[in-house]
Amino acid sequence: MLTNELRYFLAVATSGSLSTASEQLFVAGSAISRQIQKLESRLGVTLFERHARGMVLTDAGQILAHHVRKSMRDMEYALAEIQGLKAVRKALVRIVCTDGMAFDLLPGLLARFRLRHPGVSFDLQVGSAMQVAEWIRRSECDVAFQFSLAPEREVEIIAAWPAPVLLLLDSAHPLVQQQSVAISDLHHYPLVLPETGTTLRQLFDLSCRMAGTFLEPAFSSNNFSALYDFTRHTPHAITVCSHFSVLWRAGREGMTLKTINNTSLSQRTLQIQAPGSKHRPAAVTAFLEMAAGTLNEEHQQWMVRMR
């Protein structure tokens, strides 16, 4: 139950614009501006930096926005408990992830979950590693899936698994039968790589430097689906990914995963994350339990196959 001051503040904080907030709330922009100024005067701080192109939260504004959103979620959970709606019935679960996990992993998990709970709907947003980290810290989602090189702060890690960088290639590729594959062996084949800046590309480029070699990709993209399809349709092409990115699809489509003889490619983990709050809707809890259990089983089976 927000006061007008906080309601108007949150609308501008979310939209970044007085005019947009005015359209959303059906309230004059001048009235919204007065309420925000009143709130700033009462708190004794400036909540926004005013620019010609919009309104940007100050540090104080970011702190207030975080706590207002948290208070709203807590109120929603309290109302749900009071009304007896904790069972997994009709609910929306908001998920965010980086590109590789939207290709095969998450569509598969979400479809499996809905077979058990058809009343639950999902909204999946795909972003860069920086965007996903920001969304989960600001509690703008219920669950996040992302590859990480270091422990994440300000979030709850529900589960984590090693996610080494692997070669993905056609099952008939000459390297499939090779006992051990080194970075230098990739010189002879079309190489398909994600764009620079991703954790995967960072690790791969680091491994190349450590091996004293330079590899120029034949094709690069910020879209894993494009990388995968290019690899499938280009003779002897090779791309890199985690086994989680192609968990079910690779085997169905005649693709094989192979390890690279380089320890620096084993530094990533796949993490399932949630906002750091003890309150969690029943649908989110059920999905987290199902996802963690499924991925744990699949990872154990993959470990056995790779021995």
Protein backbone atom coordinates (compact mmCIF):
# COMPACT_ATOMS: atom_id res chain seq x y z
CA MET A 1 0.00 0.00 0.00
CA LEU A 2 2.19 2.83 -1.29
CA THR A 3 1.69 6.52 -0.63
CA ASN A 4 1.36 8.72 -3.70
CA GLU A 5 4.89 10.01 -3.10
CA LEU A 6 6.39 6.54 -3.26
CA ARG A 7 4.11 5.39 -6.07
CA TYR A 8 5.09 8.34 -8.25
CA PHE A 9 8.75 7.97 -7.28
CA LEU A 10 8.78 4.29 -8.28
CA ALA A 11 7.04 5.00 -11.59
CA VAL A 12 9.70 7.55 -12.55
CA ALA A 13 12.50 5.32 -11.24
CA THR A 14 11.27 2.45 -13.43
CA SER A 15 10.56 4.46 -16.58
CA GLY A 16 13.33 7.05 -16.24
CA SER A 17 10.98 9.77 -17.45
CA LEU A 18 8.36 12.09 -15.97
CA SER A 19 6.34 12.06 -19.18
CA THR A 20 6.29 8.26 -19.38
CA ALA A 21 5.32 7.97 -15.73
CA SER A 22 2.58 10.54 -16.34
CA GLU A 23 1.13 8.45 -19.18
CA GLN A 24 1.28 5.26 -17.13
CA LEU A 25 -0.34 6.76 -14.03
CA PHE A 26 -2.77 9.12 -15.83
CA VAL A 27 -1.45 11.91 -13.60
CA ALA A 28 -0.06 15.26 -14.72
CA GLY A 29 3.71 15.39 -14.84
CA SER A 30 3.74 18.53 -12.71
CA ALA A 31 1.84 16.72 -9.95
CA ILE A 32 4.32 13.83 -10.06
CA SER A 33 7.24 16.27 -9.93
CA ARG A 34 5.77 18.04 -6.88
CA GLN A 35 5.32 14.77 -5.00
CA ILE A 36 8.90 13.70 -5.73
CA GLN A 37 10.21 17.10 -4.60
CA LYS A 38 8.13 16.74 -1.43
CA LEU A 39 9.65 13.30 -0.81
CA GLU A 40 13.18 14.62 -1.40
CA SER A 41 12.55 17.49 1.00
CA ARG A 42 11.24 15.13 3.67
CA LEU A 43 14.21 12.76 3.31
CA GLY A 44 16.75 15.54 2.94
CA VAL A 45 18.39 13.96 -0.13
CA THR A 46 18.22 14.25 -3.91
CA LEU A 47 16.67 11.13 -5.41
CA PHE A 48 17.12 11.90 -9.12
CA GLU A 49 19.61 13.60 -11.37
CA ARG A 50 17.52 15.68 -13.78
CA HIS A 51 18.68 15.58 -17.40
CA ALA A 52 17.15 16.78 -20.65
CA ARG A 53 16.68 13.16 -21.72
CA GLY A 54 15.20 11.90 -18.48
CA MET A 55 15.62 11.23 -14.76
CA VAL A 56 18.44 9.06 -13.40
CA LEU A 57 18.45 7.70 -9.85
CA THR A 58 21.14 8.96 -7.48
CA ASP A 59 22.77 6.54 -5.03
CA ALA A 60 20.15 7.51 -2.45
CA GLY A 61 17.42 7.00 -5.04
CA GLN A 62 18.69 3.51 -5.89
CA ILE A 63 18.64 2.53 -2.22
CA LEU A 64 15.07 3.79 -1.81
CA ALA A 65 13.88 2.09 -5.03
CA HIS A 66 15.37 -1.23 -3.91
CA HIS A 67 13.61 -1.11 -0.53
CA VAL A 68 10.29 0.04 -2.00
CA ARG A 69 10.29 -2.85 -4.48
CA LYS A 70 11.20 -5.28 -1.69
CA SER A 71 8.37 -3.94 0.48
CA MET A 72 5.93 -4.40 -2.41
CA ARG A 73 7.03 -8.02 -2.90
CA ASP A 74 6.74 -8.73 0.81
CA MET A 75 3.22 -7.30 0.83
CA GLU A 76 2.25 -9.47 -2.15
CA TYR A 77 3.59 -12.58 -0.37
CA ALA A 78 1.73 -11.67 2.82
CA LEU A 79 -1.54 -11.21 0.95
CA ALA A 80 -1.03 -14.53 -0.83
CA GLU A 81 -0.56 -16.31 2.50
CA ILE A 82 -3.59 -14.61 4.03
CA GLN A 83 -5.76 -15.59 1.08
CA GLY A 84 -4.50 -19.16 1.12
CA LEU A 85 -2.83 -18.96 -2.29
CA LYS A 86 0.50 -20.57 -1.41
CA ALA A 87 -0.25 -23.68 -3.43
CA VAL A 88 1.26 -23.92 -6.91
CA ARG A 89 -1.74 -22.83 -8.94
CA LYS A 90 -2.00 -19.96 -11.36
CA ALA A 91 1.23 -17.95 -11.09
CA LEU A 92 3.84 -16.13 -13.16
CA VAL A 93 7.55 -16.93 -12.68
CA ARG A 94 10.00 -14.35 -14.06
CA ILE A 95 13.30 -15.81 -15.24
CA VAL A 96 16.41 -14.13 -16.66
CA CYS A 97 19.43 -15.75 -18.28
CA THR A 98 22.34 -15.22 -20.63
CA ASP A 99 22.04 -16.21 -24.28
CA GLY A 100 23.45 -19.74 -24.18
CA MET A 101 20.88 -21.01 -21.69
CA ALA A 102 17.91 -19.72 -23.69
CA PHE A 103 18.84 -22.03 -26.59
CA ASP A 104 18.03 -25.46 -25.18
CA LEU A 105 18.32 -25.63 -21.39
CA LEU A 106 15.57 -23.31 -20.22
CA PRO A 107 12.95 -24.10 -22.89
CA GLY A 108 13.36 -27.74 -21.90
CA LEU A 109 13.13 -27.08 -18.16
CA LEU A 110 10.11 -24.81 -18.49
CA ALA A 111 8.24 -27.27 -20.70
CA ARG A 112 8.90 -30.10 -18.23
CA PHE A 113 7.72 -28.01 -15.29
CA ARG A 114 4.48 -27.01 -17.03
CA LEU A 115 3.61 -30.67 -17.59
CA ARG A 116 3.34 -30.92 -13.81
CA HIS A 117 1.96 -27.43 -13.16
CA PRO A 118 0.04 -26.20 -16.24
CA GLY A 119 -1.31 -23.19 -14.34
CA VAL A 120 2.15 -21.66 -14.01
CA SER A 121 3.28 -19.21 -16.71
CA PHE A 122 6.83 -18.05 -17.40
CA ASP A 123 8.40 -14.85 -18.66
CA LEU A 124 11.98 -15.34 -19.89
CA GLN A 125 14.25 -12.36 -20.54
CA VAL A 126 17.67 -12.82 -22.14
CA GLY A 127 20.49 -10.35 -21.53
CA SER A 128 24.23 -9.94 -21.19
CA ALA A 129 26.04 -11.16 -18.07
CA MET A 130 26.04 -7.60 -16.73
CA GLN A 131 22.31 -7.19 -17.37
CA VAL A 132 21.43 -10.50 -15.71
CA ALA A 133 23.53 -9.62 -12.66
CA GLU A 134 21.80 -6.24 -12.39
CA TRP A 135 18.29 -7.72 -12.81
CA ILE A 136 18.81 -10.26 -10.04
CA ARG A 137 20.41 -7.76 -7.65
CA ARG A 138 17.53 -5.32 -8.20
CA SER A 139 15.02 -8.16 -7.66
CA GLU A 140 13.46 -7.57 -11.08
CA CYS A 141 13.12 -11.33 -11.57
CA ASP A 142 12.40 -14.43 -9.51
CA VAL A 143 15.19 -16.66 -10.82
CA ALA A 144 18.42 -16.14 -12.76
CA PHE A 145 20.54 -18.65 -14.67
CA GLN A 146 24.04 -17.55 -15.56
CA PHE A 147 27.60 -18.72 -16.01
CA SER A 148 29.95 -17.16 -13.49
CA LEU A 149 33.72 -16.92 -13.03
CA ALA A 150 33.53 -15.69 -9.43
CA PRO A 151 31.14 -15.86 -6.45
CA GLU A 152 28.17 -13.55 -6.92
CA ARG A 153 27.32 -10.93 -4.29
CA GLU A 154 23.93 -9.86 -2.97
CA VAL A 155 22.10 -12.90 -4.36
CA GLU A 156 21.24 -16.37 -3.08
CA ILE A 157 22.97 -19.21 -4.93
CA ILE A 158 20.39 -21.99 -5.11
CA ALA A 159 22.71 -24.48 -6.86
CA ALA A 160 25.93 -24.48 -8.89
CA TRP A 161 27.75 -26.93 -11.15
CA PRO A 162 31.10 -26.91 -12.98
CA ALA A 163 30.56 -25.66 -16.53
CA PRO A 164 33.87 -26.11 -18.40
CA VAL A 165 34.29 -24.76 -21.91
CA LEU A 166 33.95 -27.68 -24.36
CA LEU A 167 34.23 -28.18 -28.09
CA LEU A 168 30.95 -28.73 -29.93
CA LEU A 169 31.33 -30.46 -33.27
CA ASP A 170 29.66 -32.92 -35.61
CA SER A 171 29.86 -36.54 -34.47
CA ALA A 172 31.72 -37.38 -37.71
CA HIS A 173 34.36 -34.67 -37.17
CA PRO A 174 38.00 -35.91 -37.37
CA LEU A 175 38.75 -34.62 -33.84
CA VAL A 176 36.08 -36.83 -32.27
CA GLN A 177 38.33 -39.88 -32.55
CA GLN A 178 41.43 -38.04 -31.36
CA GLN A 179 42.46 -39.08 -27.85
CA SER A 180 43.35 -35.60 -26.61
CA VAL A 181 42.60 -32.22 -28.23
CA ALA A 182 44.82 -29.17 -27.68
CA ILE A 183 44.15 -25.56 -28.61
CA SER A 184 46.71 -25.82 -31.42
CA ASP A 185 44.68 -28.62 -33.06
CA LEU A 186 41.91 -26.14 -33.86
CA HIS A 187 44.02 -24.27 -36.43
CA HIS A 188 42.97 -26.68 -39.16
CA TYR A 189 39.20 -26.19 -38.90
CA PRO A 190 36.65 -23.35 -39.23
CA LEU A 191 36.29 -21.87 -35.75
CA VAL A 192 32.97 -20.42 -34.54
CA LEU A 193 33.13 -18.18 -31.47
CA PRO A 194 30.85 -15.98 -29.35
CA GLU A 195 31.54 -12.26 -29.26
CA THR A 196 34.30 -10.86 -27.08
CA GLY A 197 33.22 -9.88 -23.59
CA THR A 198 31.34 -13.07 -22.72
CA THR A 199 32.79 -15.29 -19.97
CA LEU A 200 33.18 -18.09 -22.50
CA ARG A 201 35.14 -15.97 -24.99
CA GLN A 202 37.27 -14.50 -22.19
CA LEU A 203 38.33 -17.97 -21.07
CA PHE A 204 38.94 -19.17 -24.63
CA ASP A 205 41.08 -16.16 -25.56
CA LEU A 206 43.03 -16.52 -22.30
CA SER A 207 43.70 -20.18 -23.10
CA CYS A 208 44.96 -19.24 -26.57
CA ARG A 209 47.37 -16.69 -25.11
CA MET A 210 48.63 -19.20 -22.55
CA ALA A 211 49.16 -21.73 -25.33
CA GLY A 212 51.04 -19.13 -27.39
CA THR A 213 48.64 -19.38 -30.31
CA PHE A 214 46.24 -17.08 -32.15
CA LEU A 215 42.99 -18.32 -33.65
CA GLU A 216 40.87 -16.20 -35.97
CA PRO A 217 37.18 -17.21 -36.01
CA ALA A 218 35.52 -17.94 -39.32
CA PHE A 219 32.27 -16.74 -37.78
CA SER A 220 31.37 -14.90 -34.58
CA SER A 221 28.07 -13.72 -33.14
CA ASN A 222 26.36 -12.64 -29.93
CA ASN A 223 23.62 -15.19 -30.62
CA PHE A 224 24.24 -18.81 -29.68
CA SER A 225 21.54 -20.12 -32.01
CA ALA A 226 23.43 -18.58 -34.95
CA LEU A 227 26.72 -20.08 -33.73
CA TYR A 228 25.14 -23.52 -33.36
CA ASP A 229 23.45 -23.55 -36.77
CA PHE A 230 26.56 -22.23 -38.54
CA THR A 231 28.59 -25.02 -36.95
CA ARG A 232 26.05 -27.67 -37.98
CA HIS A 233 25.97 -26.52 -41.60
CA THR A 234 29.68 -25.84 -42.13
CA PRO A 235 31.88 -28.90 -42.85
CA HIS A 236 34.36 -29.59 -40.02
CA ALA A 237 33.38 -26.43 -38.13
CA ILE A 238 33.89 -26.24 -34.36
CA THR A 239 32.32 -24.01 -31.75
CA VAL A 240 32.65 -23.83 -27.96
CA CYS A 241 30.03 -23.99 -25.22
CA SER A 242 29.08 -25.66 -21.96
CA HIS A 243 27.33 -29.02 -21.92
CA PHE A 244 24.39 -27.25 -20.25
CA SER A 245 23.82 -25.05 -23.31
CA VAL A 246 23.01 -28.06 -25.51
CA LEU A 247 21.89 -30.44 -22.79
CA TRP A 248 19.26 -32.32 -24.79
CA ARG A 249 19.60 -30.99 -28.31
CA ALA A 250 23.18 -31.96 -29.19
CA GLY A 251 22.59 -35.71 -29.00
CA ARG A 252 19.32 -35.50 -30.95
CA GLU A 253 21.01 -33.61 -33.80
CA GLY A 254 24.21 -35.63 -34.18
CA MET A 255 26.52 -33.22 -32.36
CA THR A 256 29.26 -34.20 -29.93
CA LEU A 257 30.96 -32.46 -27.01
CA LYS A 258 34.67 -32.94 -26.45
CA THR A 259 37.01 -31.63 -23.77
CA ILE A 260 40.05 -29.48 -24.53
CA ASN A 261 43.37 -30.25 -22.89
CA ASN A 262 43.61 -26.93 -21.06
CA THR A 263 42.86 -26.45 -17.35
CA SER A 264 42.08 -22.73 -17.66
CA LEU A 265 38.86 -23.63 -19.52
CA SER A 266 37.38 -25.20 -16.38
CA GLN A 267 36.90 -22.07 -14.28
CA ARG A 268 33.20 -21.36 -14.94
CA THR A 269 30.20 -22.54 -12.98
CA LEU A 270 26.55 -22.56 -13.92
CA GLN A 271 24.57 -20.93 -11.13
CA ILE A 272 20.87 -20.85 -10.37
CA GLN A 273 20.31 -17.63 -8.44
CA ALA A 274 17.43 -15.97 -6.63
CA PRO A 275 17.06 -12.55 -4.97
CA GLY A 276 18.29 -12.51 -1.40
CA SER A 277 14.88 -12.67 0.26
CA LYS A 278 13.47 -15.30 2.59
CA HIS A 279 10.00 -14.87 1.09
CA ARG A 280 9.40 -16.83 -2.09
CA PRO A 281 6.12 -17.77 -3.87
CA ALA A 282 5.29 -21.46 -3.90
CA ALA A 283 5.51 -21.65 -7.70
CA VAL A 284 9.06 -20.23 -7.65
CA THR A 285 10.12 -22.64 -4.88
CA ALA A 286 8.71 -25.60 -6.80
CA PHE A 287 10.46 -24.55 -9.99
CA LEU A 288 13.81 -24.05 -8.22
CA GLU A 289 13.58 -27.51 -6.68
CA MET A 290 12.66 -29.13 -10.00
CA ALA A 291 15.37 -27.26 -11.96
CA ALA A 292 18.11 -28.01 -9.45
CA GLY A 293 17.14 -31.68 -9.24
CA THR A 294 16.95 -32.12 -13.01
CA LEU A 295 20.27 -30.39 -13.67
CA ASN A 296 21.99 -32.35 -10.93
CA GLU A 297 20.85 -35.63 -12.51
CA GLU A 298 21.81 -34.51 -16.02
CA HIS A 299 25.23 -33.29 -14.87
CA GLN A 300 25.97 -36.59 -13.12
CA GLN A 301 25.03 -38.51 -16.27
CA TRP A 302 27.24 -36.25 -18.37
CA MET A 303 30.18 -36.83 -16.00
CA VAL A 304 29.76 -40.58 -16.40
CA ARG A 305 29.65 -40.31 -20.22
CA MET A 306 32.81 -38.20 -20.33
CA ARG A 307 34.93 -40.65 -18.33
